Protein backbone atom coordinates (compact mmCIF):
# COMPACT_ATOMS: atom_id res chain seq x y z
CA MET A 1 122.42 95.56 89.19
CA VAL A 2 126.20 95.24 89.22
CA GLN A 3 127.51 93.35 86.24
CA PRO A 4 130.82 91.49 85.92
CA ASP A 5 133.30 93.72 84.25
CA GLY A 6 136.36 93.07 82.20
CA GLU A 7 139.20 95.02 80.74
CA PRO A 8 137.74 97.62 78.41
CA PRO A 9 139.00 97.63 74.84
CA THR A 10 141.09 100.38 73.36
CA PRO A 11 138.74 102.24 71.03
CA GLU A 12 139.80 102.77 67.45
CA PRO A 13 139.85 106.42 66.41
CA THR A 14 137.01 107.41 64.14
CA PRO A 15 137.30 110.36 61.76
CA PRO A 16 135.01 113.27 62.55
CA ALA A 17 131.85 113.66 60.57
CA ASP A 18 131.34 116.66 58.32
CA GLN A 19 131.53 119.90 60.28
CA GLY A 20 128.43 122.03 60.50
CA ARG A 21 127.26 125.03 62.48
CA PHE A 22 127.46 123.10 65.75
CA GLY A 23 131.14 122.18 65.32
CA SER A 24 132.78 118.90 64.48
CA ALA A 25 130.54 115.96 65.31
CA ARG A 26 132.89 113.43 66.86
CA ARG A 27 131.49 109.90 66.91
CA LEU A 28 131.70 108.03 70.20
CA PRO A 29 133.70 104.84 69.54
CA VAL A 30 131.75 101.59 69.88
CA ALA A 31 133.83 98.47 69.34
CA ILE A 32 132.15 95.27 68.12
CA ALA A 33 133.94 91.92 67.82
CA ALA A 34 132.75 88.39 67.05
CA GLY A 35 129.13 89.38 67.46
CA ALA A 36 129.63 90.48 71.07
CA ILE A 37 129.67 94.15 71.96
CA VAL A 38 132.84 94.81 73.91
CA GLY A 39 132.72 98.59 73.96
CA ALA A 40 130.40 101.09 75.59
CA LEU A 41 126.72 100.63 74.78
CA ILE A 42 124.65 103.74 74.32
CA THR A 43 121.24 103.47 75.91
CA ALA A 44 118.33 105.88 75.75
CA LEU A 45 117.22 106.86 79.22
CA ILE A 46 113.52 106.09 79.20
CA PHE A 47 112.17 103.69 81.84
CA VAL A 48 109.73 101.48 79.92
CA VAL A 49 107.37 98.96 81.51
CA VAL A 50 104.80 96.67 79.93
CA GLN A 51 101.59 96.24 81.91
CA ARG A 52 100.44 92.66 82.19
CA ASP A 53 96.75 93.66 82.49
CA GLY A 54 96.08 94.65 79.48
CA SER A 55 107.55 133.27 84.16
CA THR A 56 111.37 132.43 84.08
CA ALA A 57 112.98 131.58 87.37
CA GLY A 58 115.13 134.65 87.93
CA ALA A 59 117.09 134.02 91.11
CA SER A 60 120.75 134.90 90.65
CA LEU A 61 122.90 132.10 92.01
CA SER A 62 126.61 132.27 92.62
CA THR A 63 128.86 130.91 89.90
CA SER A 64 131.99 131.31 92.00
CA GLN A 65 132.23 127.52 92.30
CA ALA A 66 132.80 127.21 88.57
CA ASP A 67 135.11 130.20 88.37
CA SER A 68 137.27 129.02 91.26
CA GLY A 69 137.63 125.50 89.88
CA THR A 70 135.72 123.85 92.73
CA ALA A 71 134.48 120.47 91.54
CA MET A 72 130.80 120.87 92.40
CA CYS A 73 128.01 123.46 92.25
CA ALA A 74 126.21 124.48 95.41
CA ALA A 75 123.40 122.10 94.47
CA THR A 76 120.86 123.17 97.12
CA PRO A 77 120.10 126.64 95.71
CA VAL A 78 120.17 125.20 92.18
CA ALA A 79 117.61 122.58 93.18
CA ASP A 80 115.42 125.16 94.95
CA GLN A 81 115.37 127.32 91.83
CA VAL A 82 115.08 124.71 89.08
CA LEU A 83 112.92 121.87 90.47
CA PRO A 84 109.63 123.83 90.16
CA SER A 85 110.31 123.93 86.40
CA ILE A 86 110.94 120.17 86.11
CA VAL A 87 108.17 117.66 85.36
CA THR A 88 107.91 113.89 85.43
CA ILE A 89 106.31 112.59 82.23
CA ALA A 90 104.14 109.49 81.92
CA ALA A 91 103.38 108.23 78.41
CA ARG A 92 101.05 105.35 77.65
CA ARG A 93 99.45 103.52 74.76
CA GLY A 94 97.60 100.30 75.40
CA ALA A 95 99.68 97.98 77.58
CA GLN A 96 102.89 99.92 77.03
CA ALA A 97 103.95 102.74 79.33
CA GLY A 98 107.03 104.69 80.26
CA THR A 99 108.25 107.59 82.34
CA GLY A 100 110.73 110.33 81.64
CA SER A 101 111.49 113.94 82.47
CA GLY A 102 111.08 117.39 80.98
CA GLN A 103 111.21 121.09 81.73
CA ILE A 104 108.80 124.00 81.24
CA PHE A 105 110.63 126.26 78.80
CA LYS A 106 107.97 128.48 77.24
CA GLU A 107 104.88 130.34 78.43
CA GLY A 108 101.63 128.48 77.88
CA GLY A 109 102.77 125.20 79.41
CA TYR A 110 105.25 124.13 76.73
CA ILE A 111 107.56 121.38 77.94
CA LEU A 112 110.81 120.26 76.32
CA THR A 113 111.75 116.58 76.52
CA ASN A 114 113.20 113.70 74.49
CA ASP A 115 111.27 112.16 71.63
CA HIS A 116 111.90 108.64 72.92
CA VAL A 117 110.19 109.56 76.20
CA ILE A 118 106.85 110.19 74.52
CA SER A 119 107.09 108.15 71.31
CA VAL A 120 105.11 105.27 72.85
CA ALA A 121 102.12 107.62 73.07
CA ALA A 122 102.37 108.95 69.52
CA GLY A 123 99.41 108.05 67.33
CA GLY A 124 96.69 107.47 69.88
CA GLY A 125 98.29 107.26 73.30
CA THR A 126 98.09 109.56 76.29
CA VAL A 127 100.61 111.78 78.07
CA SER A 128 100.50 113.38 81.50
CA VAL A 129 102.94 115.46 83.52
CA GLN A 130 103.50 115.69 87.25
CA TYR A 131 105.00 118.82 88.79
CA SER A 132 107.50 118.90 91.62
CA ASP A 133 104.76 119.68 94.16
CA GLY A 134 102.84 116.54 93.21
CA HIS A 135 100.11 118.16 91.13
CA SER A 136 99.54 116.70 87.69
CA SER A 137 98.01 117.61 84.34
CA ASP A 138 97.17 115.94 81.08
CA ALA A 139 99.35 116.97 78.14
CA VAL A 140 99.40 116.74 74.35
CA ILE A 141 102.29 116.19 71.96
CA VAL A 142 102.91 119.45 70.11
CA GLY A 143 105.69 118.19 67.86
CA ARG A 144 108.41 115.56 67.53
CA ASP A 145 111.89 115.40 66.02
CA PRO A 146 113.04 111.77 66.19
CA SER A 147 116.27 112.58 64.34
CA THR A 148 117.60 114.73 67.18
CA ASP A 149 115.54 112.98 69.90
CA LEU A 150 113.63 116.11 70.88
CA ALA A 151 109.92 116.68 71.45
CA VAL A 152 107.62 119.37 72.85
CA LEU A 153 104.50 118.80 74.96
CA LYS A 154 101.84 121.24 76.12
CA ALA A 155 100.27 120.85 79.54
CA ALA A 156 96.47 121.14 79.57
CA ASP A 157 96.63 123.47 82.58
CA ALA A 158 99.26 125.64 80.81
CA ALA A 159 101.58 125.07 83.81
CA ALA A 160 100.14 128.34 85.01
CA ASN A 161 101.52 128.19 88.55
CA TYR A 162 105.02 127.05 87.68
CA PRO A 163 108.10 128.98 86.50
CA LEU A 164 109.95 128.59 83.23
CA ILE A 165 113.43 127.14 83.41
CA GLY A 166 116.15 129.72 82.84
CA LEU A 167 117.95 129.23 79.54
CA GLY A 168 121.73 129.26 79.34
CA SER A 169 124.18 128.66 76.51
CA SER A 170 126.00 125.42 75.79
CA GLY A 171 128.48 127.32 73.62
CA SER A 172 130.19 128.79 76.68
CA LEU A 173 130.65 125.46 78.50
CA ARG A 174 134.14 124.32 79.43
CA VAL A 175 135.43 120.84 80.15
CA GLY A 176 135.62 120.44 83.93
CA GLN A 177 132.84 122.93 84.60
CA PRO A 178 130.39 121.76 87.31
CA VAL A 179 126.82 120.96 86.31
CA VAL A 180 123.64 119.63 87.95
CA ALA A 181 121.19 117.11 86.47
CA LEU A 182 117.50 117.11 87.45
CA GLY A 183 114.81 114.61 86.54
CA ALA A 184 113.03 111.40 87.50
CA PRO A 185 115.39 108.41 87.27
CA LEU A 186 113.43 105.15 87.57
CA GLY A 187 110.33 107.28 88.15
CA LEU A 188 111.76 108.93 91.27
CA ALA A 189 110.57 112.49 90.75
CA SER A 190 112.60 115.58 91.66
CA THR A 191 115.95 113.79 91.80
CA VAL A 192 119.06 115.99 91.75
CA THR A 193 122.63 114.89 91.02
CA SER A 194 125.80 116.83 90.30
CA GLY A 195 129.04 116.38 88.42
CA ILE A 196 131.15 118.05 85.77
CA VAL A 197 131.27 118.49 82.03
CA SER A 198 133.51 115.58 81.04
CA ALA A 199 133.79 116.37 77.32
CA LEU A 200 132.13 118.43 74.60
CA ASP A 201 131.10 117.98 70.96
CA ARG A 202 130.47 114.24 71.09
CA TYR A 203 128.53 112.60 68.28
CA VAL A 204 126.39 109.83 69.76
CA PRO A 205 124.05 107.80 67.53
CA VAL A 206 121.40 106.13 69.71
CA PRO A 207 119.34 103.28 68.24
CA GLY A 208 115.63 103.84 68.82
CA ASP A 209 112.35 102.22 67.86
CA GLY A 210 112.81 102.04 64.09
CA VAL A 211 114.92 105.18 64.02
CA THR A 212 118.40 106.35 64.99
CA HIS A 213 118.52 109.40 67.25
CA HIS A 214 121.53 111.60 66.43
CA LEU A 215 122.94 113.46 69.43
CA ILE A 216 124.93 116.21 67.72
CA GLY A 217 127.63 118.07 69.65
CA ALA A 218 126.54 116.25 72.78
CA ILE A 219 127.71 117.24 76.25
CA GLN A 220 129.32 114.36 78.13
CA THR A 221 128.89 114.48 81.91
CA ASP A 222 129.64 112.33 84.93
CA ALA A 223 126.59 113.66 86.79
CA SER A 224 124.69 110.51 87.68
CA ILE A 225 121.80 110.01 85.24
CA ASN A 226 119.81 106.83 84.82
CA PRO A 227 116.75 105.49 82.96
CA GLY A 228 113.96 108.02 83.53
CA ASN A 229 116.31 111.02 83.50
CA SER A 230 115.66 111.29 79.75
CA GLY A 231 114.43 114.71 78.73
CA GLY A 232 115.42 116.25 82.05
CA ALA A 233 117.62 119.25 82.59
CA LEU A 234 121.38 119.61 82.75
CA VAL A 235 122.01 123.06 84.25
CA ASP A 236 124.97 125.21 85.19
CA CYS A 237 125.65 126.61 88.64
CA ALA A 238 123.32 129.53 87.94
CA GLY A 239 120.46 127.10 87.35
CA HIS A 240 120.32 127.79 83.62
CA LEU A 241 119.57 125.02 81.14
CA VAL A 242 122.64 124.00 79.14
CA GLY A 243 121.57 120.54 77.96
CA VAL A 244 118.76 117.98 77.74
CA ASN A 245 119.81 114.62 79.21
CA ALA A 246 119.30 111.90 76.62
CA ALA A 247 121.55 108.84 76.88
CA ILE A 248 124.09 106.92 78.93
CA ALA A 249 126.87 104.49 78.10
CA THR A 250 126.73 101.22 80.02
CA VAL A 251 129.30 98.48 80.36
CA PRO A 252 128.13 95.12 78.99
CA ASN A 253 128.69 91.82 80.78
CA ALA A 254 130.84 88.99 79.44
CA SER A 255 128.01 87.94 77.11
CA GLY A 256 127.78 91.38 75.62
CA VAL A 257 124.43 92.15 77.24
CA SER A 258 123.96 95.73 78.36
CA GLY A 259 122.20 96.85 81.48
CA GLY A 260 122.66 98.54 84.81
CA GLY A 261 122.70 102.24 85.45
CA SER A 262 125.07 105.16 85.38
CA VAL A 263 128.78 104.51 85.07
CA GLY A 264 129.58 108.21 84.80
CA LEU A 265 129.13 108.43 81.03
CA GLY A 266 126.02 110.47 80.32
CA PHE A 267 125.17 112.57 77.28
CA ALA A 268 122.99 115.65 76.92
CA ILE A 269 121.73 117.48 73.84
CA PRO A 270 123.19 121.02 73.93
CA VAL A 271 120.60 123.74 74.53
CA ASP A 272 121.97 125.79 71.62
CA LEU A 273 120.77 122.99 69.33
CA ALA A 274 117.64 122.07 71.29
CA LYS A 275 116.10 125.54 71.69
CA PRO A 276 115.74 126.46 67.98
CA ILE A 277 114.29 123.04 67.20
CA ALA A 278 111.88 123.30 70.15
CA ASP A 279 110.75 126.76 69.03
CA GLU A 280 110.11 125.42 65.51
CA LEU A 281 108.09 122.53 66.94
CA VAL A 282 105.95 125.03 68.86
CA ARG A 283 105.42 127.16 65.74
CA THR A 284 104.77 124.45 63.16
CA GLY A 285 104.71 121.05 64.87
CA LYS A 286 107.65 119.98 62.69
CA PRO A 287 111.43 120.35 63.12
CA GLY A 288 112.01 122.04 59.75
CA HIS A 289 115.37 120.42 58.97
CA PRO A 290 116.51 121.06 55.41
CA THR A 291 116.53 118.26 52.85
CA THR A 292 119.05 116.99 50.32
CA GLY A 293 116.42 115.31 48.13
CA LEU A 294 118.67 112.27 48.18
CA GLN A 295 118.26 108.63 49.18
CA VAL A 296 121.47 106.66 49.68
CA GLN A 297 122.59 103.24 50.85
CA GLU A 298 125.99 102.22 52.15
CA ILE A 299 128.05 99.89 49.95
CA PRO A 300 129.65 97.23 52.19
CA PRO A 301 133.34 96.53 51.45
CA ALA A 302 132.59 92.92 50.48
CA VAL A 303 129.95 94.04 47.97
CA ALA A 304 132.23 96.73 46.58
CA LYS A 305 135.02 94.20 46.12
CA SER A 306 132.85 91.67 44.33
CA ALA A 307 131.27 94.33 42.10
CA GLY A 308 134.56 96.06 41.38
CA THR A 309 133.30 99.40 42.70
CA PRO A 310 134.63 101.69 45.44
CA THR A 311 133.06 101.77 48.86
CA GLY A 312 130.80 104.72 49.44
CA LEU A 313 127.12 105.65 49.31
CA PHE A 314 125.04 104.32 46.43
CA VAL A 315 122.42 106.82 45.28
CA LEU A 316 119.11 104.95 45.31
CA ALA A 317 116.88 107.83 44.26
CA VAL A 318 116.90 111.58 43.66
CA ASP A 319 113.80 113.73 44.17
CA ALA A 320 112.74 115.38 40.95
CA GLY A 321 113.53 119.08 41.14
CA GLY A 322 115.12 118.67 44.56
CA PRO A 323 118.54 119.85 45.77
CA ALA A 324 120.39 116.69 44.68
CA ALA A 325 118.83 116.78 41.22
CA LYS A 326 119.73 120.47 40.83
CA ALA A 327 123.29 119.58 41.85
CA GLY A 328 123.43 117.08 38.98
CA LEU A 329 123.28 113.84 40.97
CA LYS A 330 121.49 110.83 39.53
CA ALA A 331 120.33 107.45 40.77
CA GLY A 332 123.20 104.99 40.37
CA ASP A 333 125.93 107.48 41.28
CA ILE A 334 128.32 106.49 44.06
CA ILE A 335 129.14 109.25 46.56
CA THR A 336 132.74 108.78 47.66
CA LYS A 337 133.25 111.89 49.82
CA VAL A 338 131.00 114.05 51.99
CA GLY A 339 132.80 117.32 52.40
CA ASP A 340 136.42 116.40 53.05
CA GLU A 341 135.63 113.03 54.60
CA PRO A 342 135.38 109.61 52.90
CA ALA A 343 131.74 108.58 52.49
CA VAL A 344 131.35 105.55 54.74
CA SER A 345 127.93 105.94 56.34
CA SER A 346 124.51 107.26 55.37
CA GLU A 347 124.53 108.96 58.78
CA GLN A 348 126.96 111.51 57.35
CA ILE A 349 124.19 112.83 55.10
CA VAL A 350 121.74 112.91 58.00
CA VAL A 351 124.17 114.73 60.29
CA ALA A 352 124.93 117.22 57.51
CA THR A 353 121.25 118.18 57.30
CA LEU A 354 120.82 118.33 61.09
CA THR A 355 123.73 120.74 61.51
CA ARG A 356 122.83 123.08 58.65
CA GLU A 357 120.04 125.41 57.62
CA VAL A 358 118.07 125.95 54.43
CA GLY A 359 120.39 127.61 51.91
CA ASP A 360 123.59 126.13 53.33
CA THR A 361 125.73 124.05 50.99
CA LEU A 362 127.22 120.58 51.07
CA GLU A 363 130.07 119.45 48.82
CA LEU A 364 129.80 115.90 47.52
CA THR A 365 132.29 113.91 45.44
CA TYR A 366 130.76 111.14 43.37
CA LEU A 367 131.62 108.51 40.79
CA ARG A 368 129.60 107.98 37.59
CA ALA A 369 130.60 105.50 34.88
CA GLY A 370 134.14 105.42 36.24
CA THR A 371 134.55 109.20 36.23
CA SER A 372 134.88 111.20 39.46
CA ALA A 373 133.27 114.61 39.85
CA THR A 374 132.47 117.06 42.65
CA THR A 375 129.27 119.05 43.04
CA THR A 376 127.87 121.55 45.53
CA LEU A 377 124.39 120.75 46.85
CA THR A 378 122.29 123.58 48.28
CA LEU A 379 119.99 122.40 51.06
CA ALA A 380 116.31 123.27 50.66
CA ALA A 381 113.20 123.42 52.82
CA PRO A 382 111.45 120.06 53.23
């Protein structure tokens, strides 16, 4: 559906979040005015419907297109190599159902996808996968990481007759480099589109069902992706996985209502972030992100003004014996800086844990009884 468009607003610059091992997490600007969203809306790519009735692919493909600056990959050989590793996912629980995409990334039938693709089936639903040749298999959810919007499935037939997707590196990507997206937009299996890497290191928070998915260091691409592409592959010209497609930005209509499909602003989770999390989900069923042992709540400017306190993050609770407690923080403290950045959002704490490992440190500046102090918090295993 084509929606009426208007002149897009000029986005206000937003300071980068605290820098972690995946680089600076730059927030995608979203402007909101008078209750109507006038900026880009970030939408997860699952195609949801409600029922009324109750061995690695090893072909070596030419990368001369990328090296020579040509705008597009030779998509035909990429499709021939990669599509056998791509699956269409159907998740269902009761009257709710949805479709998405995924790729076979590990021997034994392990499939990498987005958490929001399969979340409807969590806690009693069913999941199945369909291969590019039309065959299908039941699947089970091995593990989920809603924070980064990643999940791993395991096909009941172990995907025995299908190749693993080749794994690349998102760290070597360059802006302008051609890429190919593969998946099942709107349930249309084995769809292939191509484009370029439009930008790197985006931070894109995506509202989900009771949770915010944090796309850290996301790859922005103009390869056409639409609802149903979620969890599918973004590959380079050699057919190697560089990202997991996860979200698009759509232009709202005059009433601020989002909708429609691709406008050339798609976002993928970089494989360098996705692969370690996926491996941990296979091993333990859990993502294994470190914890701060800290619960915080943002202090709105109006509340801060009326209470005579600074804006920041109010410490609601500190886990006994946890990292925050060992760092000397107490309930009632007000965190004013996270690293070198002013503390303005609880998401800064979340992003800090998602981009660090157990044993890494986080510097926090806080206010207690009118006195400012700085402490170093050492992240611990959950």
